[in-house]
Amino acid sequence: ELMPKPEEPKVSLQVGVFPKLSEAMRAKRRIESKLNLTVEIVQQWDYYRVLVTGFYTIQETYKYYPEIVGLGYDEILLIDESDK
């Protein structure tokens, strides 16, 4: 049986963690312009995490892995907050 979609997207992909905001901004601009995805930068301690957001299911993220890796970001971390 199909689960109803949650009201808001709870799944995101962390595509990189950078020590400099300028590096995170570059990644954000690159992913947004090339893949037309929503990207957020989250500061955590002295680092900037670049997150591609807006996914409702883990399955939705799969098709973007090769594209993100193709841009040079090969340490992708799946973040699923739907169980919180």
Protein backbone atom coordinates (compact mmCIF):
# COMPACT_ATOMS: atom_id res chain seq x y z
CA GLU A 1 0.00 0.00 0.00
CA LEU A 2 1.29 3.44 -0.87
CA MET A 3 2.31 5.76 1.92
CA PRO A 4 0.95 9.28 1.63
CA LYS A 5 3.67 11.81 0.89
CA PRO A 6 4.79 13.83 3.88
CA GLU A 7 3.81 17.48 3.89
CA GLU A 8 7.37 18.71 3.51
CA PRO A 9 10.51 17.22 2.00
CA LYS A 10 12.54 15.38 4.60
CA VAL A 11 15.31 13.84 2.52
CA SER A 12 18.44 15.67 1.42
CA LEU A 13 21.89 14.90 0.07
CA GLN A 14 25.02 16.29 1.65
CA VAL A 15 27.36 16.78 -1.28
CA GLY A 16 30.29 18.28 0.54
CA VAL A 17 31.73 19.82 3.68
CA PHE A 18 34.02 22.79 3.22
CA PRO A 19 36.20 24.80 5.60
CA LYS A 20 35.55 28.02 3.67
CA LEU A 21 32.21 29.63 2.93
CA SER A 22 33.49 30.65 -0.51
CA GLU A 23 34.05 26.99 -1.43
CA ALA A 24 30.57 26.07 -0.21
CA MET A 25 29.07 28.95 -2.21
CA ARG A 26 30.88 27.80 -5.33
CA ALA A 27 29.48 24.28 -4.92
CA LYS A 28 25.99 25.69 -4.31
CA ARG A 29 26.08 27.87 -7.42
CA ARG A 30 27.47 25.06 -9.54
CA ILE A 31 24.85 22.50 -8.51
CA GLU A 32 21.98 24.99 -8.78
CA SER A 33 22.98 26.17 -12.23
CA LYS A 34 23.86 22.75 -13.69
CA LEU A 35 21.19 20.56 -12.08
CA ASN A 36 18.49 23.09 -11.17
CA LEU A 37 18.22 21.74 -7.63
CA THR A 38 17.66 23.54 -4.33
CA VAL A 39 20.89 23.84 -2.35
CA GLU A 40 21.33 25.01 1.23
CA ILE A 41 24.50 25.77 3.13
CA VAL A 42 24.47 24.85 6.82
CA GLN A 43 27.26 25.98 9.11
CA GLN A 44 28.37 23.36 11.60
CA TRP A 45 31.25 24.35 13.86
CA ASP A 46 34.00 25.62 11.55
CA TYR A 47 32.63 23.92 8.45
CA TYR A 48 30.01 24.57 5.83
CA ARG A 49 27.85 21.65 4.77
CA VAL A 50 26.36 21.84 1.29
CA LEU A 51 22.96 20.11 1.15
CA VAL A 52 20.75 19.42 -1.84
CA THR A 53 17.25 19.59 -0.35
CA GLY A 54 13.66 19.13 -1.40
CA PHE A 55 13.32 15.36 -1.75
CA TYR A 56 10.31 13.50 -0.36
CA THR A 57 11.69 9.99 -0.73
CA ILE A 58 15.10 8.36 -0.78
CA GLN A 59 14.26 6.91 -4.20
CA GLU A 60 13.93 10.43 -5.65
CA THR A 61 17.59 11.10 -4.88
CA TYR A 62 19.00 8.15 -6.81
CA LYS A 63 18.97 9.71 -10.25
CA TYR A 64 20.99 12.68 -9.03
CA TYR A 65 23.95 10.71 -7.68
CA PRO A 66 25.69 10.30 -11.07
CA GLU A 67 25.05 13.93 -11.96
CA ILE A 68 26.42 15.24 -8.66
CA VAL A 69 29.42 12.92 -8.86
CA GLY A 70 29.90 14.15 -12.43
CA LEU A 71 30.33 17.67 -11.06
CA GLY A 72 33.15 16.40 -8.85
CA TYR A 73 31.34 15.85 -5.55
CA ASP A 74 31.81 12.16 -4.86
CA GLU A 75 31.30 12.03 -1.09
CA ILE A 76 27.52 12.14 -1.05
CA LEU A 77 25.77 11.49 2.24
CA LEU A 78 22.07 10.72 2.37
CA ILE A 79 20.18 12.50 5.14
CA ASP A 80 16.73 11.13 5.91
CA GLU A 81 14.81 13.01 8.57
CA SER A 82 11.42 11.46 7.84
CA ASP A 83 11.57 9.28 10.95
CA LYS A 84 12.04 12.20 13.35
